[in-house]
Amino acid sequence: MKTIAASRRTERPLVLLGLLVSVLLLAGCGSTPVAGSPTPTPVASRTVSTSNVSFREFSLPGSDLTGITAGPDGTAWFANGSHIGHITSQGVITLFPLTTTTHAYHLVQGPDGALWFTDLPGNKIGRITTSGDVIEFSRPTIGSTLGITAGPDGTLWFTESAVNKIGRITTSGAITEYTIPTADSLPA
């Protein structure tokens, strides 16, 4: 097990992970184990108390935590650079390596029950099931993909910051892009 050394760069993401996992666990996430997952790895944790708020902080391999969301399986899912992972309420972390993604950035639960994520410099939108099956869809326009959210129309919407566009992807992978009329708006 690798413990991340405390530094200004890594402390903030770990504290945020601890806080967000606590919020998600209080909301009822983390009660159902994931069938078919790789062998989970228990990690070191510590309890942090401040201003009458207490939460547990967990160490992650690597230090590039960029997104977290509640998953359909009751765990908290997160993007961690070249991995997507999830953490149970007991602090057990399972990481799924992403072989063709250069940097998983944000993620969200999709209308199909899978987790969808953006690949910041890689020009892709990815989909991962709770059992770790990954498929990626290339975008037609090259540029940074940042945020992603599930839309009310049963699709997912994402931002293309460097090219001033908003994109829409169906759960079958069909992508449509829309140019933002305001020049250099840099959607995030």
Protein backbone atom coordinates (compact mmCIF):
# COMPACT_ATOMS: atom_id res chain seq x y z
CA MET A 1 0.00 0.00 0.00
CA LYS A 2 1.35 3.39 -0.96
CA THR A 3 0.68 6.35 1.30
CA ILE A 4 0.91 9.80 -0.20
CA ALA A 5 3.35 12.09 1.55
CA ALA A 6 1.71 15.21 2.92
CA SER A 7 2.37 18.26 0.82
CA ARG A 8 0.46 21.36 -0.15
CA ARG A 9 -0.38 19.81 -3.57
CA THR A 10 -1.71 16.48 -2.23
CA GLU A 11 -3.28 17.50 1.08
CA ARG A 12 -6.16 19.48 -0.42
CA PRO A 13 -7.40 16.68 -2.77
CA LEU A 14 -7.22 14.15 0.07
CA VAL A 15 -9.09 16.39 2.47
CA LEU A 16 -11.70 17.04 -0.21
CA LEU A 17 -11.99 13.30 -0.90
CA GLY A 18 -12.45 12.64 2.81
CA LEU A 19 -15.07 15.35 3.13
CA LEU A 20 -16.95 14.35 -0.03
CA VAL A 21 -16.88 10.66 0.84
CA SER A 22 -18.25 11.52 4.27
CA VAL A 23 -21.08 13.54 2.74
CA LEU A 24 -21.87 10.74 0.30
CA LEU A 25 -21.77 8.13 3.06
CA LEU A 26 -24.07 10.20 5.24
CA ALA A 27 -26.41 10.39 2.24
CA GLY A 28 -26.62 6.60 2.15
CA CYS A 29 -23.91 5.68 -0.35
CA GLY A 30 -21.52 2.84 0.35
CA SER A 31 -23.84 0.13 1.56
CA THR A 32 -23.73 -2.29 -1.38
CA PRO A 33 -20.59 -4.21 -2.44
CA VAL A 34 -19.68 -4.35 -6.12
CA ALA A 35 -19.90 -7.79 -7.69
CA GLY A 36 -17.11 -8.74 -10.09
CA SER A 37 -14.73 -5.95 -9.01
CA PRO A 38 -10.98 -6.47 -8.74
CA THR A 39 -9.78 -7.35 -5.26
CA PRO A 40 -10.26 -4.17 -3.24
CA THR A 41 -7.39 -2.69 -1.30
CA PRO A 42 -7.90 -1.38 2.23
CA VAL A 43 -6.02 1.88 2.76
CA ALA A 44 -4.70 3.86 5.66
CA SER A 45 -7.06 6.44 7.03
CA ARG A 46 -7.19 9.03 9.75
CA THR A 47 -10.04 10.84 11.44
CA VAL A 48 -9.98 14.61 11.21
CA SER A 49 -12.12 16.79 13.48
CA THR A 50 -12.58 20.51 13.06
CA SER A 51 -15.37 22.91 14.06
CA ASN A 52 -17.55 20.08 15.41
CA VAL A 53 -17.32 18.24 12.08
CA SER A 54 -15.56 14.90 11.89
CA PHE A 55 -14.64 12.94 8.79
CA ARG A 56 -12.20 10.22 7.71
CA GLU A 57 -9.44 10.93 5.24
CA PHE A 58 -8.10 8.15 3.01
CA SER A 59 -4.77 7.87 1.19
CA LEU A 60 -4.85 7.15 -2.53
CA PRO A 61 -2.13 5.90 -4.83
CA GLY A 62 -1.13 8.92 -6.91
CA SER A 63 -2.23 12.45 -6.19
CA ASP A 64 -4.37 13.60 -9.06
CA LEU A 65 -7.91 13.38 -7.75
CA THR A 66 -10.07 15.52 -10.04
CA GLY A 67 -13.67 14.35 -9.71
CA ILE A 68 -15.99 12.46 -7.39
CA THR A 69 -19.63 11.33 -7.63
CA ALA A 70 -22.06 8.91 -6.01
CA GLY A 71 -22.27 5.66 -7.98
CA PRO A 72 -25.23 3.42 -8.73
CA ASP A 73 -23.68 0.70 -6.55
CA GLY A 74 -23.72 2.74 -3.34
CA THR A 75 -20.02 3.67 -3.37
CA ALA A 76 -18.29 6.97 -4.10
CA TRP A 77 -16.54 6.94 -7.51
CA PHE A 78 -13.60 9.19 -8.38
CA ALA A 79 -11.29 10.11 -11.25
CA ASN A 80 -7.61 9.78 -10.38
CA GLY A 81 -5.55 10.50 -13.51
CA SER A 82 -5.01 7.19 -15.30
CA HIS A 83 -7.50 5.37 -13.03
CA ILE A 84 -11.17 5.43 -12.15
CA GLY A 85 -11.88 4.08 -8.70
CA HIS A 86 -14.46 3.76 -5.99
CA ILE A 87 -14.40 3.72 -2.21
CA THR A 88 -16.76 1.95 0.17
CA SER A 89 -18.02 3.31 3.47
CA GLN A 90 -15.42 1.10 5.15
CA GLY A 91 -12.61 2.83 3.24
CA VAL A 92 -11.89 0.00 0.81
CA ILE A 93 -10.65 1.44 -2.50
CA THR A 94 -10.78 -0.34 -5.84
CA LEU A 95 -8.90 1.16 -8.79
CA PHE A 96 -9.52 0.38 -12.45
CA PRO A 97 -6.60 1.30 -14.72
CA LEU A 98 -7.47 3.17 -17.90
CA THR A 99 -5.20 1.94 -20.67
CA THR A 100 -6.00 4.46 -23.41
CA THR A 101 -7.14 7.45 -21.36
CA THR A 102 -4.43 10.01 -20.79
CA HIS A 103 -6.10 11.83 -17.89
CA ALA A 104 -9.59 11.06 -16.54
CA TYR A 105 -10.89 14.38 -15.27
CA HIS A 106 -14.55 14.67 -14.22
CA LEU A 107 -17.12 11.90 -13.93
CA VAL A 108 -20.84 11.49 -13.42
CA GLN A 109 -23.37 8.69 -13.14
CA GLY A 110 -25.11 8.32 -16.48
CA PRO A 111 -28.74 7.51 -17.21
CA ASP A 112 -27.66 3.96 -18.16
CA GLY A 113 -26.23 3.22 -14.68
CA ALA A 114 -22.59 3.46 -15.83
CA LEU A 115 -20.10 6.16 -14.87
CA TRP A 116 -19.12 8.57 -17.65
CA PHE A 117 -15.91 10.60 -17.60
CA THR A 118 -13.97 13.16 -19.58
CA ASP A 119 -10.40 12.64 -20.78
CA LEU A 120 -8.88 16.09 -20.34
CA PRO A 121 -6.21 16.12 -23.08
CA GLY A 122 -7.18 12.88 -24.82
CA ASN A 123 -10.12 14.04 -26.93
CA LYS A 124 -12.41 11.31 -25.57
CA ILE A 125 -15.48 10.67 -23.46
CA GLY A 126 -15.29 7.43 -21.50
CA ARG A 127 -17.82 5.07 -19.97
CA ILE A 128 -17.02 2.59 -17.19
CA THR A 129 -19.40 0.04 -15.70
CA THR A 130 -19.39 -0.78 -11.99
CA SER A 131 -17.52 -4.00 -12.88
CA GLY A 132 -14.74 -2.01 -14.60
CA ASP A 133 -15.55 -2.47 -18.30
CA VAL A 134 -14.38 0.64 -20.16
CA ILE A 135 -15.28 1.97 -23.59
CA GLU A 136 -14.16 5.32 -24.96
CA PHE A 137 -15.65 7.51 -27.66
CA SER A 138 -13.49 9.91 -29.69
CA ARG A 139 -14.80 13.42 -30.14
CA PRO A 140 -14.90 14.97 -33.63
CA THR A 141 -13.12 18.19 -32.57
CA ILE A 142 -9.72 18.10 -30.89
CA GLY A 143 -9.58 20.15 -27.68
CA SER A 144 -9.74 19.92 -23.89
CA THR A 145 -12.80 18.20 -22.45
CA LEU A 146 -13.54 19.28 -18.89
CA GLY A 147 -16.97 18.98 -17.26
CA ILE A 148 -19.67 16.38 -17.85
CA THR A 149 -23.22 16.02 -16.54
CA ALA A 150 -26.28 13.87 -17.13
CA GLY A 151 -28.98 15.80 -18.95
CA PRO A 152 -32.76 15.64 -18.50
CA ASP A 153 -33.02 14.23 -22.05
CA GLY A 154 -31.33 10.89 -21.16
CA THR A 155 -27.97 11.91 -22.67
CA LEU A 156 -24.76 13.35 -21.26
CA TRP A 157 -23.49 16.87 -21.90
CA PHE A 158 -19.84 17.94 -21.74
CA THR A 159 -17.72 21.04 -22.20
CA GLU A 160 -14.95 21.54 -24.76
CA SER A 161 -13.09 24.46 -23.26
CA ALA A 162 -10.31 25.08 -25.79
CA VAL A 163 -12.62 25.01 -28.82
CA ASN A 164 -15.58 26.96 -27.39
CA LYS A 165 -18.14 24.16 -27.69
CA ILE A 166 -20.66 22.17 -25.69
CA GLY A 167 -21.05 18.53 -26.62
CA ARG A 168 -23.82 15.97 -26.22
CA ILE A 169 -23.27 12.21 -26.21
CA THR A 170 -25.93 9.50 -26.21
CA THR A 171 -25.46 6.36 -24.15
CA SER A 172 -24.70 4.55 -27.43
CA GLY A 173 -21.85 6.98 -28.15
CA ALA A 174 -23.30 9.33 -30.79
CA ILE A 175 -21.74 12.78 -30.33
CA THR A 176 -23.14 16.15 -31.39
CA GLU A 177 -21.23 19.40 -30.85
CA TYR A 178 -22.64 22.92 -30.50
CA THR A 179 -20.52 26.05 -30.95
CA ILE A 180 -21.02 28.68 -28.26
CA PRO A 181 -21.78 32.05 -29.91
CA THR A 182 -19.65 34.00 -27.40
CA ALA A 183 -16.05 33.97 -28.60
CA ASP A 184 -13.44 32.62 -26.15
CA SER A 185 -16.03 31.76 -23.50
CA LEU A 186 -13.93 28.81 -22.25
CA PRO A 187 -16.75 26.60 -20.94
CA ALA A 188 -15.67 24.50 -17.99
